[in-house]
Amino acid sequence: MKVDLTGRTAVVTGGGGILCSVMAKALAAAGARVAILDLREEAAVKVADEIAAQGGCAVGIGANVLDPASLAAAEKTVTEKLGVCDILVNGAGGNNPKGTTSKEFLELDDLRKPVEGLKTFFDLDPAGVGFVFNLNFLGTLLTTQAFARGMALKGGGAIINISSMNAFTPLTKIPAYSGAKAAISNFTQWLAVHFSRVNVRVNAIAPGFFLTEQNRTLLTNPDGSLTARGNTILAHTPMGKFGKPEDLTGALLFLLDDTAAGFVNGVVLPVDGGFSAFSGV
C-alpha cells in the first residue's frame, strides 16, 4: 500500500513480539519514526536495530504497560528522541495459564472425581484472571493515557487497538482472555466517541489465528503437525490456513491513512480468513 507516514511518530507496544514487530517495520517502511516499546527491552532494541539497518528511524524502549511511571518515562523518551506521538498501536497483551481451564467442557466427573492437575472453571485463580484482564485492557487504557494527551494537544492522531476473534465469539478454555478482548472492542468504540472532537481517530484490528510464540505449543506439536485445537481452528477458517504477520499490515496502514480512512472511526476490523463469518456448517 502506498501510505506516506513521513514526519509522523508512531509508538508500538508489544513491539518486540512477532506480530507487532512486523507492524512496527511496516510503519517505518511508510516513513514513520517508530518507538518500539516492550517489557523486554532487549527485544525492543533488536527490532529497532533491524529497522535502522533497513534505513528507517526507530528506537527501542523497555516499558511496562501496567506501570504509569514506566509509561510516563517512555513517553518522555519518545518525545525527546522522535517527537510527540501521532500514532499509537496498543499491541501489548496476552494470556496466562492461571486464567485458562484444562478442558473445553465441564463434566460431572470433573467435580465428583477430581483429577490432580485438572483445572475447571471453579479452580480459576482470581489473581490470574485479573492479570490477564489488566494486561490486555488496563494496559491499553494506561498506555493511551500516556500518549494520547500529546495527540489531542497537537490537534490530531490515530490509535489502533488490538482486539481478537475472542471478542466476537469467546473461545473455549480462555475466559479471561476472551473477556479482556471483548473489553478492548468496547473500549475502542467508547474512545472513538470520546476523542472525536479532538481529531483523534480510534479503531481496532481483530486478528484471526496466527502462529506466534505464545500459541505455537497450543496449535502445533513438536514435529510441526497440528494439535487437535489447531485442526479445529483451521476447520473453522474458510481459507484453511493460519495468517501471516504481514497479513495485518494492509489493515493497519489503511486505518492510519487519513486520506483513505479519515472518516473511519470506532470500527473493529477482522483479519481472520473468514473465521468470524463462518457458522461451522
Protein backbone atom coordinates (compact mmCIF):
# COMPACT_ATOMS: atom_id res chain seq x y z
CA MET A 1 0.00 0.00 0.00
CA LYS A 2 1.20 3.48 -0.82
CA VAL A 3 0.70 5.14 2.54
CA ASP A 4 3.00 8.03 3.43
CA LEU A 5 3.62 8.48 7.16
CA THR A 6 6.67 10.67 6.73
CA GLY A 7 7.12 13.10 9.61
CA ARG A 8 4.86 11.17 11.98
CA THR A 9 5.90 9.49 15.21
CA ALA A 10 4.49 6.04 15.91
CA VAL A 11 4.57 4.09 19.18
CA VAL A 12 4.03 0.32 19.14
CA THR A 13 3.65 -1.52 22.45
CA GLY A 14 4.47 -5.20 22.50
CA GLY A 15 6.72 -4.30 19.59
CA GLY A 16 9.25 -7.00 20.37
CA GLY A 17 6.76 -9.76 19.52
CA ILE A 18 6.17 -11.46 16.19
CA LEU A 19 3.02 -9.63 15.09
CA CYS A 20 3.78 -6.17 16.46
CA SER A 21 7.37 -6.16 15.23
CA VAL A 22 6.07 -6.68 11.70
CA MET A 23 3.62 -3.82 12.19
CA ALA A 24 6.40 -1.59 13.52
CA LYS A 25 8.50 -2.36 10.46
CA ALA A 26 5.58 -1.57 8.16
CA LEU A 27 5.16 1.81 9.83
CA ALA A 28 8.85 2.56 9.43
CA ALA A 29 8.74 1.49 5.77
CA ALA A 30 5.92 4.01 5.28
CA GLY A 31 8.17 6.76 6.63
CA ALA A 32 7.20 6.99 10.30
CA ARG A 33 9.67 7.40 13.12
CA VAL A 34 8.91 4.37 15.29
CA ALA A 35 9.28 3.76 19.00
CA ILE A 36 9.16 0.07 19.87
CA LEU A 37 8.04 -0.47 23.45
CA ASP A 38 8.28 -3.86 25.11
CA LEU A 39 8.61 -5.24 28.62
CA ARG A 40 11.75 -6.95 27.30
CA GLU A 41 13.99 -4.04 26.41
CA GLU A 42 16.42 -6.24 24.50
CA ALA A 43 13.61 -7.42 22.21
CA ALA A 44 12.54 -3.82 21.56
CA VAL A 45 16.09 -2.74 20.78
CA LYS A 46 16.57 -5.69 18.44
CA VAL A 47 13.55 -4.68 16.35
CA ALA A 48 14.68 -1.04 16.34
CA ASP A 49 18.12 -2.11 15.12
CA GLU A 50 16.55 -4.17 12.34
CA ILE A 51 14.53 -1.14 11.23
CA ALA A 52 17.62 1.07 11.32
CA ALA A 53 19.53 -1.48 9.23
CA GLN A 54 16.84 -1.06 6.55
CA GLY A 55 17.25 2.71 6.59
CA GLY A 56 14.37 3.51 8.92
CA CYS A 57 14.25 5.58 12.08
CA ALA A 58 13.45 3.69 15.28
CA VAL A 59 14.24 3.45 18.96
CA GLY A 60 13.69 0.51 21.31
CA ILE A 61 12.46 1.25 24.82
CA GLY A 62 11.77 -1.02 27.78
CA ALA A 63 8.36 -0.22 29.24
CA ASN A 64 5.68 -1.85 31.39
CA VAL A 65 2.16 -1.05 30.18
CA LEU A 66 0.79 -1.72 33.68
CA ASP A 67 3.07 0.86 35.32
CA PRO A 68 2.08 4.52 34.80
CA ALA A 69 5.54 5.70 35.91
CA SER A 70 7.22 3.44 33.35
CA LEU A 71 4.88 4.69 30.63
CA ALA A 72 5.48 8.33 31.61
CA ALA A 73 9.23 7.77 31.33
CA ALA A 74 8.77 6.08 27.95
CA GLU A 75 6.61 8.95 26.69
CA LYS A 76 9.28 11.44 27.75
CA THR A 77 11.96 9.47 25.91
CA VAL A 78 9.83 9.16 22.77
CA THR A 79 9.08 12.88 22.72
CA GLU A 80 12.72 13.81 23.22
CA LYS A 81 14.08 11.42 20.59
CA LEU A 82 11.32 11.23 17.97
CA GLY A 83 8.73 13.90 18.72
CA VAL A 84 5.18 13.86 20.07
CA CYS A 85 3.30 10.66 19.34
CA ASP A 86 0.99 10.81 16.31
CA ILE A 87 0.20 7.09 16.02
CA LEU A 88 -0.30 4.61 18.86
CA VAL A 89 -0.58 0.86 18.32
CA ASN A 90 -1.66 -0.82 21.56
CA GLY A 91 -0.23 -4.23 20.82
CA ALA A 92 0.86 -5.43 24.27
CA GLY A 93 -1.31 -8.24 25.61
CA GLY A 94 -1.55 -11.96 26.11
CA ASN A 95 -2.99 -14.82 28.11
CA ASN A 96 -1.92 -16.70 31.25
CA PRO A 97 -2.42 -20.36 32.24
CA LYS A 98 -3.95 -19.24 35.53
CA GLY A 99 -6.90 -17.83 33.58
CA THR A 100 -7.35 -20.96 31.46
CA THR A 101 -9.37 -24.14 32.04
CA SER A 102 -7.93 -27.56 31.22
CA LYS A 103 -10.95 -28.75 29.27
CA GLU A 104 -13.40 -27.22 26.85
CA PHE A 105 -16.48 -28.60 28.63
CA LEU A 106 -17.25 -29.22 32.30
CA GLU A 107 -18.37 -32.76 33.09
CA LEU A 108 -19.87 -34.01 36.32
CA ASP A 109 -16.97 -36.41 36.95
CA ASP A 110 -14.64 -33.40 36.99
CA LEU A 111 -16.38 -32.38 40.20
CA ARG A 112 -17.22 -35.78 41.65
CA LYS A 113 -13.85 -37.37 40.96
CA PRO A 114 -11.30 -34.56 40.74
CA VAL A 115 -8.06 -35.39 38.94
CA GLU A 116 -4.83 -33.81 40.14
CA GLY A 117 -3.75 -31.06 37.80
CA LEU A 118 -7.16 -30.66 36.17
CA LYS A 119 -8.28 -27.04 36.27
CA THR A 120 -12.02 -26.48 35.99
CA PHE A 121 -13.86 -23.19 35.90
CA PHE A 122 -14.15 -23.41 39.68
CA ASP A 123 -10.37 -23.65 40.04
CA LEU A 124 -9.52 -20.50 38.10
CA ASP A 125 -7.17 -18.24 40.05
CA PRO A 126 -8.72 -14.79 40.57
CA ALA A 127 -5.27 -13.24 40.50
CA GLY A 128 -4.51 -14.95 37.20
CA VAL A 129 -7.80 -13.81 35.68
CA GLY A 130 -7.11 -10.30 36.92
CA PHE A 131 -3.61 -10.33 35.45
CA VAL A 132 -4.92 -11.29 32.00
CA PHE A 133 -7.64 -8.66 32.09
CA ASN A 134 -5.25 -5.98 33.30
CA LEU A 135 -2.53 -6.82 30.78
CA ASN A 136 -4.92 -6.51 27.86
CA PHE A 137 -7.47 -3.90 28.91
CA LEU A 138 -5.81 -1.81 31.61
CA GLY A 139 -2.53 -1.89 29.70
CA THR A 140 -4.29 -0.39 26.70
CA LEU A 141 -6.06 2.24 28.81
CA LEU A 142 -2.91 3.33 30.68
CA THR A 143 -0.81 3.50 27.52
CA THR A 144 -3.47 5.59 25.82
CA GLN A 145 -3.49 7.95 28.78
CA ALA A 146 0.27 8.30 28.49
CA PHE A 147 0.45 9.00 24.75
CA ALA A 148 -2.91 10.37 23.56
CA ARG A 149 -2.70 13.59 25.58
CA GLY A 150 0.03 14.80 23.23
CA MET A 151 -2.08 13.88 20.21
CA ALA A 152 -5.04 15.86 21.49
CA LEU A 153 -2.92 18.91 22.29
CA LYS A 154 -1.19 18.67 18.91
CA GLY A 155 -4.50 18.59 17.05
CA GLY A 156 -4.87 15.01 15.86
CA GLY A 157 -3.68 11.45 15.76
CA ALA A 158 -4.69 7.83 15.33
CA ILE A 159 -4.89 4.92 17.73
CA ILE A 160 -5.05 1.25 16.77
CA ASN A 161 -6.06 -1.24 19.45
CA ILE A 162 -5.60 -4.98 19.06
CA SER A 163 -8.79 -6.96 19.64
CA SER A 164 -9.29 -10.64 18.77
CA MET A 165 -11.67 -13.25 17.40
CA ASN A 166 -12.48 -13.90 21.06
CA ALA A 167 -14.22 -10.54 21.19
CA PHE A 168 -16.82 -11.72 18.64
CA THR A 169 -17.37 -15.23 19.99
CA PRO A 170 -15.44 -16.45 23.04
CA LEU A 171 -13.17 -19.42 22.50
CA THR A 172 -13.32 -22.38 24.86
CA LYS A 173 -10.83 -22.68 27.76
CA ILE A 174 -9.76 -19.00 27.87
CA PRO A 175 -12.50 -16.97 29.60
CA ALA A 176 -10.16 -14.30 30.95
CA TYR A 177 -8.56 -13.55 27.59
CA SER A 178 -11.90 -13.65 25.78
CA GLY A 179 -13.45 -11.21 28.25
CA ALA A 180 -10.46 -8.89 28.09
CA LYS A 181 -10.51 -8.70 24.30
CA ALA A 182 -14.27 -8.07 24.31
CA ALA A 183 -13.50 -5.16 26.61
CA ILE A 184 -10.92 -3.89 24.10
CA SER A 185 -13.52 -3.80 21.33
CA ASN A 186 -15.98 -1.97 23.56
CA PHE A 187 -13.27 0.45 24.74
CA THR A 188 -12.31 1.15 21.13
CA GLN A 189 -15.83 2.33 20.38
CA TRP A 190 -16.05 4.33 23.60
CA LEU A 191 -12.70 6.01 22.99
CA ALA A 192 -13.55 6.80 19.37
CA VAL A 193 -16.57 8.76 20.54
CA HIS A 194 -14.73 10.40 23.45
CA PHE A 195 -11.82 11.61 21.29
CA SER A 196 -13.88 12.58 18.24
CA ARG A 197 -13.88 16.32 19.00
CA VAL A 198 -10.08 16.47 19.38
CA ASN A 199 -9.46 14.84 15.98
CA VAL A 200 -8.04 11.57 17.31
CA ARG A 201 -9.43 8.52 15.50
CA VAL A 202 -9.57 5.18 17.32
CA ASN A 203 -10.03 1.83 15.60
CA ALA A 204 -9.08 -1.78 16.25
CA ILE A 205 -7.80 -4.77 14.35
CA ALA A 206 -9.11 -8.21 15.36
CA PRO A 207 -6.60 -10.82 14.16
CA GLY A 208 -7.74 -14.33 13.47
CA PHE A 209 -5.28 -17.12 14.08
CA PHE A 210 -1.58 -16.51 13.58
CA LEU A 211 1.24 -18.73 14.82
CA THR A 212 3.19 -16.84 17.48
CA GLU A 213 5.49 -17.86 20.31
CA GLN A 214 2.57 -17.54 22.73
CA ASN A 215 0.29 -20.03 20.98
CA ARG A 216 2.64 -22.25 18.97
CA THR A 217 2.61 -25.10 21.52
CA LEU A 218 -1.20 -24.94 21.68
CA LEU A 219 -1.66 -25.19 17.92
CA THR A 220 1.26 -27.36 16.77
CA ASN A 221 3.09 -30.44 18.00
CA PRO A 222 6.90 -30.61 18.30
CA ASP A 223 7.04 -32.29 14.88
CA GLY A 224 5.14 -29.40 13.29
CA SER A 225 1.84 -31.21 12.89
CA LEU A 226 -1.34 -29.61 14.17
CA THR A 227 -2.78 -30.31 17.59
CA ALA A 228 -6.48 -31.13 17.93
CA ARG A 229 -7.14 -27.46 18.73
CA GLY A 230 -5.10 -26.36 15.72
CA ASN A 231 -7.10 -28.66 13.47
CA THR A 232 -10.38 -27.35 14.89
CA ILE A 233 -9.33 -23.77 14.20
CA LEU A 234 -8.37 -24.45 10.59
CA ALA A 235 -11.60 -26.39 10.08
CA HIS A 236 -13.45 -23.23 11.08
CA THR A 237 -11.31 -20.89 8.99
CA PRO A 238 -12.77 -20.91 5.46
CA MET A 239 -9.42 -20.02 3.89
CA GLY A 240 -7.95 -23.12 5.56
CA LYS A 241 -4.71 -21.62 6.85
CA PHE A 242 -3.17 -19.52 9.60
CA GLY A 243 -2.49 -15.89 8.91
CA LYS A 244 0.98 -14.48 8.27
CA PRO A 245 2.09 -11.43 10.29
CA GLU A 246 2.30 -9.47 7.03
CA ASP A 247 -1.44 -10.03 6.53
CA LEU A 248 -2.06 -7.41 9.22
CA THR A 249 -0.14 -4.58 7.63
CA GLY A 250 -2.67 -3.66 4.97
CA ALA A 251 -5.42 -3.19 7.55
CA LEU A 252 -3.04 -1.24 9.79
CA LEU A 253 -1.90 1.16 7.10
CA PHE A 254 -5.43 1.63 5.75
CA LEU A 255 -6.79 2.59 9.17
CA LEU A 256 -3.92 5.03 9.72
CA ASP A 257 -4.24 6.74 6.33
CA ASP A 258 -6.17 9.98 6.82
CA THR A 259 -6.99 10.10 3.11
CA ALA A 260 -8.32 6.55 2.79
CA ALA A 261 -9.82 6.20 6.29
CA GLY A 262 -10.25 9.74 7.56
CA PHE A 263 -13.95 9.10 8.27
CA VAL A 264 -13.42 5.60 9.69
CA ASN A 265 -13.72 5.77 13.46
CA GLY A 266 -14.67 3.20 16.09
CA VAL A 267 -14.54 0.06 13.93
CA VAL A 268 -13.15 -3.35 14.81
CA LEU A 269 -11.75 -4.86 11.60
CA PRO A 270 -11.38 -8.67 11.47
CA VAL A 271 -8.34 -10.03 9.66
CA ASP A 272 -9.20 -13.69 10.03
CA GLY A 273 -9.53 -15.62 6.78
CA GLY A 274 -13.30 -15.67 7.20
CA PHE A 275 -13.34 -17.22 10.70
CA SER A 276 -15.81 -14.71 12.14
CA ALA A 277 -18.15 -15.12 9.14
CA PHE A 278 -18.32 -18.93 9.27
CA SER A 279 -21.10 -20.69 11.17
CA GLY A 280 -19.31 -24.01 11.08
CA VAL A 281 -21.88 -25.52 8.69
